[in-house]
Amino acid sequence: MKLAFAGKGGAGKTTLAAWTADYLARHGHDVWMIDADTALSLGRASGLPRDGLPVPLVERHDLIMQRIGTGMISLTPEVGDLPEALAVDVPIGGPATPGVAPGRKRLLVMGSVAGAGGGCACEANALLKALLAHLVHDRREWVLVDLEAGVEHLGRGTVAAVDGLAVVSEPGLRSLETAADIAWLAHGLGLHRQVLALNRLPLSPQEPCAACAEDDRLPRLPNLPDTPELSGLPAARVGVPALPGLAARMLDNACVTGLPEQALVDRFIARLLEGFGHTSGITD
């Protein structure tokens, strides 16, 4: 399955992409993580040190010239070898599901497709789009793309092969308006399977878990608030909890995986993936 993550800057889409990749790897899936945002923070959010991050593809001028050329550039370059050549392995944030061999997480840092150049035919843009198209169309593993803005920068052909869009928003009007715009543009390109992820909501009170010890508690997802009637907002919605464990480490640790609230994060990701038709086996 191929999923894209988009939303207003600071809404938390990179965190959600990192959580999703880690959840899938701990459940035995191989995952390609594509950082196509100008912030280039997916690797750090996933536990890589700064000196362990790959050079963004948009800055690999030697490779761009080799595959694309100048003047009469090639819009269909050979890119099948690039994912393995350019990716770095990403650590898994916690133990795998019992009885399941963990999958592999690999990161490709592209830089912003939107910001790669002034026009759709620029050399960097052509190579970025060709590589994204290859990963989305031709690879059988999970592919997660962390975008700067909306999916329109991927190109219509690539968008058509994306299985779903996670539109990430905070519960505020400006963030929701941006989310509605992103969702509306994605609909216009044919990407209709969308889930709105409302971020940093209050946690719901925990309730006892009948299948657990008496002192154990079943984490619950936050209640969804009423939202303004904005045309384009996805009807499928999940609430992303505000996590004290994440807030406590923000100044000391860039990694968002392996949190004390891991069970709650897993429950949210399972619900998010269910919105795209993937059943994980975790239930409320």
C-alpha atoms as a PDB file:
ATOM      1  CA  MET A   1       0.000   0.000   0.000  1.00  0.00           C
ATOM      2  CA  LYS A   2       1.160   3.512  -0.836  1.00  0.00           C
ATOM      3  CA  LEU A   3       0.160   6.379   1.453  1.00  0.00           C
ATOM      4  CA  ALA A   4       0.889  10.107   1.405  1.00  0.00           C
ATOM      5  CA  PHE A   5       0.892  12.464   4.395  1.00  0.00           C
ATOM      6  CA  ALA A   6       0.073  16.138   3.900  1.00  0.00           C
ATOM      7  CA  GLY A   7      -1.052  19.107   5.968  1.00  0.00           C
ATOM      8  CA  LYS A   8      -0.238  22.579   7.186  1.00  0.00           C
ATOM      9  CA  GLY A   9       3.309  23.066   8.413  1.00  0.00           C
ATOM     10  CA  GLY A  10       3.648  22.053  12.058  1.00  0.00           C
ATOM     11  CA  ALA A  11       0.447  20.012  12.103  1.00  0.00           C
ATOM     12  CA  GLY A  12       2.360  16.808  12.803  1.00  0.00           C
ATOM     13  CA  LYS A  13       2.363  14.954   9.478  1.00  0.00           C
ATOM     14  CA  THR A  14       6.035  13.957   9.788  1.00  0.00           C
ATOM     15  CA  THR A  15       5.377  12.517  13.250  1.00  0.00           C
ATOM     16  CA  LEU A  16       2.432  10.530  11.900  1.00  0.00           C
ATOM     17  CA  ALA A  17       4.492   9.255   8.973  1.00  0.00           C
ATOM     18  CA  ALA A  18       7.256   8.132  11.361  1.00  0.00           C
ATOM     19  CA  TRP A  19       4.734   6.403  13.658  1.00  0.00           C
ATOM     20  CA  THR A  20       3.119   4.628  10.719  1.00  0.00           C
ATOM     21  CA  ALA A  21       6.412   3.371   9.316  1.00  0.00           C
ATOM     22  CA  ASP A  22       7.519   2.095  12.707  1.00  0.00           C
ATOM     23  CA  TYR A  23       4.175   0.405  13.379  1.00  0.00           C
ATOM     24  CA  LEU A  24       4.291  -1.381  10.028  1.00  0.00           C
ATOM     25  CA  ALA A  25       7.902  -2.526  10.490  1.00  0.00           C
ATOM     26  CA  ARG A  26       7.145  -3.893  13.956  1.00  0.00           C
ATOM     27  CA  HIS A  27       4.292  -5.845  12.348  1.00  0.00           C
ATOM     28  CA  GLY A  28       6.622  -7.427   9.793  1.00  0.00           C
ATOM     29  CA  HIS A  29       6.288  -5.103   6.793  1.00  0.00           C
ATOM     30  CA  ASP A  30       9.128  -3.617   4.738  1.00  0.00           C
ATOM     31  CA  VAL A  31       8.647   0.141   4.348  1.00  0.00           C
ATOM     32  CA  TRP A  32      10.106   2.797   2.076  1.00  0.00           C
ATOM     33  CA  MET A  33       9.991   6.182   3.821  1.00  0.00           C
ATOM     34  CA  ILE A  34      10.114   9.106   1.387  1.00  0.00           C
ATOM     35  CA  ASP A  35      10.968  12.546   2.774  1.00  0.00           C
ATOM     36  CA  ALA A  36       9.713  15.024   0.166  1.00  0.00           C
ATOM     37  CA  ASP A  37       9.346  17.972   2.549  1.00  0.00           C
ATOM     38  CA  THR A  38      11.658  21.002   2.647  1.00  0.00           C
ATOM     39  CA  ALA A  39      12.064  20.534   6.420  1.00  0.00           C
ATOM     40  CA  LEU A  40      13.764  17.145   5.809  1.00  0.00           C
ATOM     41  CA  SER A  41      12.947  15.968   9.325  1.00  0.00           C
ATOM     42  CA  LEU A  42      11.548  12.461   8.754  1.00  0.00           C
ATOM     43  CA  GLY A  43      14.903  10.821   9.390  1.00  0.00           C
ATOM     44  CA  ARG A  44      15.500  12.678  12.640  1.00  0.00           C
ATOM     45  CA  ALA A  45      11.938  11.969  13.767  1.00  0.00           C
ATOM     46  CA  SER A  46      12.604   8.283  13.121  1.00  0.00           C
ATOM     47  CA  GLY A  47      15.759   8.088  15.236  1.00  0.00           C
ATOM     48  CA  LEU A  48      18.606   8.818  12.822  1.00  0.00           C
ATOM     49  CA  PRO A  49      21.462  11.089  13.985  1.00  0.00           C
ATOM     50  CA  ARG A  50      22.136  14.205  11.956  1.00  0.00           C
ATOM     51  CA  ASP A  51      25.342  12.756  10.547  1.00  0.00           C
ATOM     52  CA  GLY A  52      23.461   9.634   9.499  1.00  0.00           C
ATOM     53  CA  LEU A  53      21.075  11.392   7.127  1.00  0.00           C
ATOM     54  CA  PRO A  54      21.589  10.939   3.387  1.00  0.00           C
ATOM     55  CA  VAL A  55      22.213  13.893   1.099  1.00  0.00           C
ATOM     56  CA  PRO A  56      18.864  14.970  -0.386  1.00  0.00           C
ATOM     57  CA  LEU A  57      18.466  13.819  -3.957  1.00  0.00           C
ATOM     58  CA  VAL A  58      17.574  17.359  -5.028  1.00  0.00           C
ATOM     59  CA  GLU A  59      21.148  18.356  -4.067  1.00  0.00           C
ATOM     60  CA  ARG A  60      22.809  15.508  -5.998  1.00  0.00           C
ATOM     61  CA  HIS A  61      23.563  17.601  -9.057  1.00  0.00           C
ATOM     62  CA  ASP A  62      25.997  15.026 -10.419  1.00  0.00           C
ATOM     63  CA  LEU A  63      23.351  12.312 -10.362  1.00  0.00           C
ATOM     64  CA  ILE A  64      20.683  14.628 -11.752  1.00  0.00           C
ATOM     65  CA  MET A  65      22.859  15.554 -14.702  1.00  0.00           C
ATOM     66  CA  GLN A  66      23.819  11.920 -15.280  1.00  0.00           C
ATOM     67  CA  ARG A  67      20.221  10.683 -15.375  1.00  0.00           C
ATOM     68  CA  ILE A  68      18.410  13.721 -16.773  1.00  0.00           C
ATOM     69  CA  GLY A  69      20.958  15.702 -18.776  1.00  0.00           C
ATOM     70  CA  THR A  70      20.676  19.353 -19.747  1.00  0.00           C
ATOM     71  CA  GLY A  71      18.963  21.145 -22.604  1.00  0.00           C
ATOM     72  CA  MET A  72      16.842  18.366 -24.118  1.00  0.00           C
ATOM     73  CA  ILE A  73      16.336  16.598 -20.811  1.00  0.00           C
ATOM     74  CA  SER A  74      14.949  13.109 -20.351  1.00  0.00           C
ATOM     75  CA  LEU A  75      11.587  12.992 -18.574  1.00  0.00           C
ATOM     76  CA  THR A  76      11.738   9.193 -18.294  1.00  0.00           C
ATOM     77  CA  PRO A  77      15.142   8.497 -16.737  1.00  0.00           C
ATOM     78  CA  GLU A  78      16.225   5.085 -15.489  1.00  0.00           C
ATOM     79  CA  VAL A  79      15.687   5.124 -11.707  1.00  0.00           C
ATOM     80  CA  GLY A  80      15.103   1.483 -10.775  1.00  0.00           C
ATOM     81  CA  ASP A  81      18.503   1.194  -9.087  1.00  0.00           C
ATOM     82  CA  LEU A  82      18.296   4.433  -7.117  1.00  0.00           C
ATOM     83  CA  PRO A  83      16.199   3.419  -4.073  1.00  0.00           C
ATOM     84  CA  GLU A  84      18.729   0.810  -2.917  1.00  0.00           C
ATOM     85  CA  ALA A  85      21.672   3.032  -3.856  1.00  0.00           C
ATOM     86  CA  LEU A  86      20.473   6.141  -2.032  1.00  0.00           C
ATOM     87  CA  ALA A  87      18.468   4.860   0.949  1.00  0.00           C
ATOM     88  CA  VAL A  88      19.679   4.425   4.522  1.00  0.00           C
ATOM     89  CA  ASP A  89      18.286   1.966   7.042  1.00  0.00           C
ATOM     90  CA  VAL A  90      16.204   3.400   9.866  1.00  0.00           C
ATOM     91  CA  PRO A  91      16.133   1.858  13.366  1.00  0.00           C
ATOM     92  CA  ILE A  92      12.933   0.293  14.619  1.00  0.00           C
ATOM     93  CA  GLY A  93      11.581   2.096  17.650  1.00  0.00           C
ATOM     94  CA  GLY A  94      10.497  -0.887  19.721  1.00  0.00           C
ATOM     95  CA  PRO A  95      10.057  -4.662  19.861  1.00  0.00           C
ATOM     96  CA  ALA A  96       8.315  -6.413  16.993  1.00  0.00           C
ATOM     97  CA  THR A  97       4.918  -8.023  17.398  1.00  0.00           C
ATOM     98  CA  PRO A  98       5.379 -11.404  19.159  1.00  0.00           C
ATOM     99  CA  GLY A  99       5.947 -14.177  16.660  1.00  0.00           C
ATOM    100  CA  VAL A 100       6.631 -11.744  13.796  1.00  0.00           C
ATOM    101  CA  ALA A 101      10.015 -10.995  12.243  1.00  0.00           C
ATOM    102  CA  PRO A 102      10.426  -7.199  12.038  1.00  0.00           C
ATOM    103  CA  GLY A 103      10.377  -5.555   8.648  1.00  0.00           C
ATOM    104  CA  ARG A 104      12.923  -3.149   7.262  1.00  0.00           C
ATOM    105  CA  LYS A 105      12.587   0.625   7.262  1.00  0.00           C
ATOM    106  CA  ARG A 106      14.530   2.524   4.603  1.00  0.00           C
ATOM    107  CA  LEU A 107      14.646   6.278   4.149  1.00  0.00           C
ATOM    108  CA  LEU A 108      15.026   8.221   0.926  1.00  0.00           C
ATOM    109  CA  VAL A 109      15.501  11.973   1.338  1.00  0.00           C
ATOM    110  CA  MET A 110      14.394  13.816  -1.755  1.00  0.00           C
ATOM    111  CA  GLY A 111      13.814  17.394  -0.728  1.00  0.00           C
ATOM    112  CA  SER A 112      10.706  19.201  -1.818  1.00  0.00           C
ATOM    113  CA  VAL A 113       9.292  18.207  -5.178  1.00  0.00           C
ATOM    114  CA  ALA A 114       7.533  21.577  -5.270  1.00  0.00           C
ATOM    115  CA  GLY A 115      10.736  23.438  -4.510  1.00  0.00           C
ATOM    116  CA  ALA A 116      13.078  21.470  -6.729  1.00  0.00           C
ATOM    117  CA  GLY A 117      13.002  24.080  -9.473  1.00  0.00           C
ATOM    118  CA  GLY A 118      11.106  26.790 -11.214  1.00  0.00           C
ATOM    119  CA  GLY A 119       9.159  24.654 -13.672  1.00  0.00           C
ATOM    120  CA  CYS A 120       7.763  21.197 -14.176  1.00  0.00           C
ATOM    121  CA  ALA A 121      10.507  20.367 -16.710  1.00  0.00           C
ATOM    122  CA  CYS A 122      13.497  21.340 -14.569  1.00  0.00           C
ATOM    123  CA  GLU A 123      16.123  18.647 -14.165  1.00  0.00           C
ATOM    124  CA  ALA A 124      15.725  18.092 -10.435  1.00  0.00           C
ATOM    125  CA  ASN A 125      11.947  17.968 -10.598  1.00  0.00           C
ATOM    126  CA  ALA A 126      12.055  15.453 -13.437  1.00  0.00           C
ATOM    127  CA  LEU A 127      14.285  13.052 -11.497  1.00  0.00           C
ATOM    128  CA  LEU A 128      12.346  13.441  -8.244  1.00  0.00           C
ATOM    129  CA  LYS A 129       9.033  12.776  -9.931  1.00  0.00           C
ATOM    130  CA  ALA A 130      10.420   9.821 -11.876  1.00  0.00           C
ATOM    131  CA  LEU A 131      11.768   8.216  -8.699  1.00  0.00           C
ATOM    132  CA  LEU A 132       8.523   8.798  -6.818  1.00  0.00           C
ATOM    133  CA  ALA A 133       6.560   7.346  -9.704  1.00  0.00           C
ATOM    134  CA  HIS A 134       8.796   4.255  -9.700  1.00  0.00           C
ATOM    135  CA  LEU A 135       8.327   3.679  -5.979  1.00  0.00           C
ATOM    136  CA  VAL A 136       4.564   4.165  -6.128  1.00  0.00           C
ATOM    137  CA  HIS A 137       3.928   2.200  -9.312  1.00  0.00           C
ATOM    138  CA  ASP A 138       6.553  -0.533  -9.303  1.00  0.00           C
ATOM    139  CA  ARG A 139       7.503  -1.408  -5.725  1.00  0.00           C
ATOM    140  CA  ARG A 140       5.479  -3.989  -3.805  1.00  0.00           C
ATOM    141  CA  GLU A 141       6.549  -2.842  -0.336  1.00  0.00           C
ATOM    142  CA  TRP A 142       4.759  -0.204   1.691  1.00  0.00           C
ATOM    143  CA  VAL A 143       5.633   3.332   0.567  1.00  0.00           C
ATOM    144  CA  LEU A 144       4.987   6.338   2.818  1.00  0.00           C
ATOM    145  CA  VAL A 145       5.535   9.826   1.408  1.00  0.00           C
ATOM    146  CA  ASP A 146       5.912  12.835   3.717  1.00  0.00           C
ATOM    147  CA  LEU A 147       4.917  15.812   1.558  1.00  0.00           C
ATOM    148  CA  GLU A 148       5.470  19.531   1.993  1.00  0.00           C
ATOM    149  CA  ALA A 149       1.986  20.472   0.897  1.00  0.00           C
ATOM    150  CA  GLY A 150      -0.566  18.577  -1.181  1.00  0.00           C
ATOM    151  CA  VAL A 151      -0.301  15.667  -3.580  1.00  0.00           C
ATOM    152  CA  GLU A 152      -0.583  17.834  -6.709  1.00  0.00           C
ATOM    153  CA  HIS A 153       3.228  18.134  -6.869  1.00  0.00           C
ATOM    154  CA  LEU A 154       3.552  14.374  -7.424  1.00  0.00           C
ATOM    155  CA  GLY A 155       1.948  14.559 -10.859  1.00  0.00           C
ATOM    156  CA  ARG A 156      -1.400  13.158 -11.937  1.00  0.00           C
ATOM    157  CA  GLY A 157      -0.076   9.750 -12.977  1.00  0.00           C
ATOM    158  CA  THR A 158       1.649   9.119  -9.647  1.00  0.00           C
ATOM    159  CA  VAL A 159      -1.311  10.393  -7.625  1.00  0.00           C
ATOM    160  CA  ALA A 160      -3.543   7.891  -9.422  1.00  0.00           C
ATOM    161  CA  ALA A 161      -1.446   5.034  -7.979  1.00  0.00           C
ATOM    162  CA  VAL A 162      -1.448   6.330  -4.386  1.00  0.00           C
ATOM    163  CA  ASP A 163      -3.797   4.268  -2.224  1.00  0.00           C
ATOM    164  CA  GLY A 164      -4.649   6.920   0.338  1.00  0.00           C
ATOM    165  CA  LEU A 165      -3.957  10.385   1.732  1.00  0.00           C
ATOM    166  CA  ALA A 166      -3.657  11.180   5.433  1.00  0.00           C
ATOM    167  CA  VAL A 167      -4.646  14.837   5.775  1.00  0.00           C
ATOM    168  CA  VAL A 168      -3.158  16.023   9.070  1.00  0.00           C
ATOM    169  CA  SER A 169      -4.577  19.025  10.902  1.00  0.00           C
ATOM    170  CA  GLU A 170      -4.659  20.603  14.308  1.00  0.00           C
ATOM    171  CA  PRO A 171      -8.141  21.383  15.680  1.00  0.00           C
ATOM    172  CA  GLY A 172      -7.973  25.045  14.647  1.00  0.00           C
ATOM    173  CA  LEU A 173      -9.651  26.934  11.840  1.00  0.00           C
ATOM    174  CA  ARG A 174      -6.525  27.895   9.865  1.00  0.00           C
ATOM    175  CA  SER A 175      -5.127  24.378   9.960  1.00  0.00           C
ATOM    176  CA  LEU A 176      -8.506  22.897   9.015  1.00  0.00           C
ATOM    177  CA  GLU A 177      -8.883  25.334   6.118  1.00  0.00           C
ATOM    178  CA  THR A 178      -5.504  24.216   4.778  1.00  0.00           C
ATOM    179  CA  ALA A 179      -6.542  20.584   5.245  1.00  0.00           C
ATOM    180  CA  ALA A 180      -9.764  21.198   3.308  1.00  0.00           C
ATOM    181  CA  ASP A 181      -7.824  22.807   0.442  1.00  0.00           C
ATOM    182  CA  ILE A 182      -5.351  19.902   0.286  1.00  0.00           C
ATOM    183  CA  ALA A 183      -8.158  17.342   0.339  1.00  0.00           C
ATOM    184  CA  TRP A 184     -10.139  19.170  -2.347  1.00  0.00           C
ATOM    185  CA  LEU A 185      -7.130  19.337  -4.693  1.00  0.00           C
ATOM    186  CA  ALA A 186      -6.413  15.647  -4.115  1.00  0.00           C
ATOM    187  CA  HIS A 187     -10.020  14.794  -4.987  1.00  0.00           C
ATOM    188  CA  GLY A 188      -9.598  16.716  -8.231  1.00  0.00           C
ATOM    189  CA  LEU A 189      -6.636  14.496  -9.096  1.00  0.00           C
ATOM    190  CA  GLY A 190      -8.605  11.324  -8.406  1.00  0.00           C
ATOM    191  CA  LEU A 191      -7.319  10.519  -4.903  1.00  0.00           C
ATOM    192  CA  HIS A 192     -10.601   9.985  -3.096  1.00  0.00           C
ATOM    193  CA  ARG A 193      -9.566   7.686  -0.232  1.00  0.00           C
ATOM    194  CA  GLN A 194      -8.654  10.186   2.460  1.00  0.00           C
ATOM    195  CA  VAL A 195      -8.564  10.239   6.252  1.00  0.00           C
ATOM    196  CA  LEU A 196      -8.479  13.423   8.332  1.00  0.00           C
ATOM    197  CA  ALA A 197      -6.109  13.019  11.296  1.00  0.00           C
ATOM    198  CA  LEU A 198      -6.874  15.626  13.957  1.00  0.00           C
ATOM    199  CA  ASN A 199      -3.718  16.134  15.980  1.00  0.00           C
ATOM    200  CA  ARG A 200      -3.006  16.992  19.632  1.00  0.00           C
ATOM    201  CA  LEU A 201      -6.448  16.273  21.052  1.00  0.00           C
ATOM    202  CA  PRO A 202      -7.024  15.685  24.787  1.00  0.00           C
ATOM    203  CA  LEU A 203      -6.729  12.075  25.881  1.00  0.00           C
ATOM    204  CA  SER A 204      -9.909  10.243  26.814  1.00  0.00           C
ATOM    205  CA  PRO A 205     -10.100   8.720  30.305  1.00  0.00           C
ATOM    206  CA  GLN A 206      -8.794   5.178  30.332  1.00  0.00           C
ATOM    207  CA  GLU A 207     -11.089   2.287  31.060  1.00  0.00           C
ATOM    208  CA  PRO A 208     -10.239  -1.131  32.534  1.00  0.00           C
ATOM    209  CA  CYS A 209      -9.372  -3.808  30.006  1.00  0.00           C
ATOM    210  CA  ALA A 210     -11.352  -6.985  30.686  1.00  0.00           C
ATOM    211  CA  ALA A 211      -8.692  -9.138  29.040  1.00  0.00           C
ATOM    212  CA  CYS A 212      -5.832  -7.652  31.099  1.00  0.00           C
ATOM    213  CA  ALA A 213      -4.736  -7.680  34.707  1.00  0.00           C
ATOM    214  CA  GLU A 214      -6.851  -5.616  37.075  1.00  0.00           C
ATOM    215  CA  ASP A 215      -4.197  -2.924  37.314  1.00  0.00           C
ATOM    216  CA  ASP A 216      -3.793  -2.677  33.541  1.00  0.00           C
ATOM    217  CA  ARG A 217      -5.652  -0.154  31.431  1.00  0.00           C
ATOM    218  CA  LEU A 218      -6.749  -0.130  27.832  1.00  0.00           C
ATOM    219  CA  PRO A 219      -5.631   3.078  26.137  1.00  0.00           C
ATOM    220  CA  ARG A 220      -8.412   4.926  24.371  1.00  0.00           C
ATOM    221  CA  LEU A 221      -8.215   7.371  21.518  1.00  0.00           C
ATOM    222  CA  PRO A 222      -9.390  10.940  22.123  1.00  0.00           C
ATOM    223  CA  ASN A 223     -12.959  11.952  21.393  1.00  0.00           C
ATOM    224  CA  LEU A 224     -13.349  13.776  18.089  1.00  0.00           C
ATOM    225  CA  PRO A 225     -14.461  17.397  18.417  1.00  0.00           C
ATOM    226  CA  ASP A 226     -17.006  19.083  16.198  1.00  0.00           C
ATOM    227  CA  THR A 227     -15.304  20.775  13.264  1.00  0.00           C
ATOM    228  CA  PRO A 228     -16.406  23.674  11.059  1.00  0.00           C
ATOM    229  CA  GLU A 229     -18.386  22.796   7.942  1.00  0.00           C
ATOM    230  CA  LEU A 230     -15.595  23.201   5.416  1.00  0.00           C
ATOM    231  CA  SER A 231     -16.081  21.848   1.925  1.00  0.00           C
ATOM    232  CA  GLY A 232     -13.537  19.159   1.131  1.00  0.00           C
ATOM    233  CA  LEU A 233     -12.678  17.909   4.624  1.00  0.00           C
ATOM    234  CA  PRO A 234     -12.495  14.095   4.588  1.00  0.00           C
ATOM    235  CA  ALA A 235     -15.465  12.348   6.172  1.00  0.00           C
ATOM    236  CA  ALA A 236     -13.276   9.579   7.642  1.00  0.00           C
ATOM    237  CA  ARG A 237     -11.568  10.928  10.746  1.00  0.00           C
ATOM    238  CA  VAL A 238      -9.353   9.807  13.592  1.00  0.00           C
ATOM    239  CA  GLY A 239      -8.105  11.677  16.636  1.00  0.00           C
ATOM    240  CA  VAL A 240      -4.397  11.927  17.324  1.00  0.00           C
ATOM    241  CA  PRO A 241      -3.707  12.175  21.063  1.00  0.00           C
ATOM    242  CA  ALA A 242      -1.550  14.797  22.709  1.00  0.00           C
ATOM    243  CA  LEU A 243       1.202  12.727  24.334  1.00  0.00           C
ATOM    244  CA  PRO A 244       2.995  13.890  27.492  1.00  0.00           C
ATOM    245  CA  GLY A 245       5.869  11.520  26.730  1.00  0.00           C
ATOM    246  CA  LEU A 246       6.477  13.219  23.395  1.00  0.00           C
ATOM    247  CA  ALA A 247       6.242  16.713  24.871  1.00  0.00           C
ATOM    248  CA  ALA A 248       8.731  15.788  27.607  1.00  0.00           C
ATOM    249  CA  ARG A 249      11.472  14.799  25.162  1.00  0.00           C
ATOM    250  CA  MET A 250      11.045  17.436  22.446  1.00  0.00           C
ATOM    251  CA  LEU A 251      14.018  19.592  23.524  1.00  0.00           C
ATOM    252  CA  ASP A 252      16.370  16.664  24.131  1.00  0.00           C
ATOM    253  CA  ASN A 253      15.457  14.037  21.548  1.00  0.00           C
ATOM    254  CA  ALA A 254      14.202  14.486  17.988  1.00  0.00           C
ATOM    255  CA  CYS A 255      12.953  10.904  17.750  1.00  0.00           C
ATOM    256  CA  VAL A 256       9.178  10.421  18.047  1.00  0.00           C
ATOM    257  CA  THR A 257       9.150   6.609  18.196  1.00  0.00           C
ATOM    258  CA  GLY A 258       9.510   4.372  21.249  1.00  0.00           C
ATOM    259  CA  LEU A 259       7.370   6.619  23.447  1.00  0.00           C
ATOM    260  CA  PRO A 260       5.975   5.642  26.856  1.00  0.00           C
ATOM    261  CA  GLU A 261       2.529   5.849  25.219  1.00  0.00           C
ATOM    262  CA  GLN A 262       3.465   3.297  22.529  1.00  0.00           C
ATOM    263  CA  ALA A 263       0.281   1.259  23.056  1.00  0.00           C
ATOM    264  CA  LEU A 264      -1.823   4.341  22.450  1.00  0.00           C
ATOM    265  CA  VAL A 265       0.181   5.317  19.361  1.00  0.00           C
ATOM    266  CA  ASP A 266      -0.271   1.797  17.997  1.00  0.00           C
ATOM    267  CA  ARG A 267      -4.011   1.988  18.558  1.00  0.00           C
ATOM    268  CA  PHE A 268      -4.204   5.265  16.660  1.00  0.00           C
ATOM    269  CA  ILE A 269      -2.131   3.992  13.725  1.00  0.00           C
ATOM    270  CA  ALA A 270      -4.268   0.858  13.535  1.00  0.00           C
ATOM    271  CA  ARG A 271      -7.385   3.031  13.318  1.00  0.00           C
ATOM    272  CA  LEU A 272      -5.742   5.270  10.706  1.00  0.00           C
ATOM    273  CA  LEU A 273      -4.814   2.282   8.536  1.00  0.00           C
ATOM    274  CA  GLU A 274      -8.296   0.839   8.885  1.00  0.00           C
ATOM    275  CA  GLY A 275      -9.528   4.045   7.261  1.00  0.00           C
ATOM    276  CA  PHE A 276      -7.502   3.053   4.204  1.00  0.00           C
ATOM    277  CA  GLY A 277      -8.809  -0.511   4.204  1.00  0.00           C
ATOM    278  CA  HIS A 278      -5.866  -2.183   5.975  1.00  0.00           C
ATOM    279  CA  THR A 279      -6.817  -4.396   8.929  1.00  0.00           C
ATOM    280  CA  SER A 280      -4.111  -4.726  11.542  1.00  0.00           C
ATOM    281  CA  GLY A 281      -5.766  -6.863  14.169  1.00  0.00           C
ATOM    282  CA  ILE A 282      -5.636  -4.228  16.947  1.00  0.00           C
ATOM    283  CA  THR A 283      -9.091  -3.377  18.239  1.00  0.00           C
ATOM    284  CA  ASP A 284     -10.507  -0.883  20.698  1.00  0.00           C
END
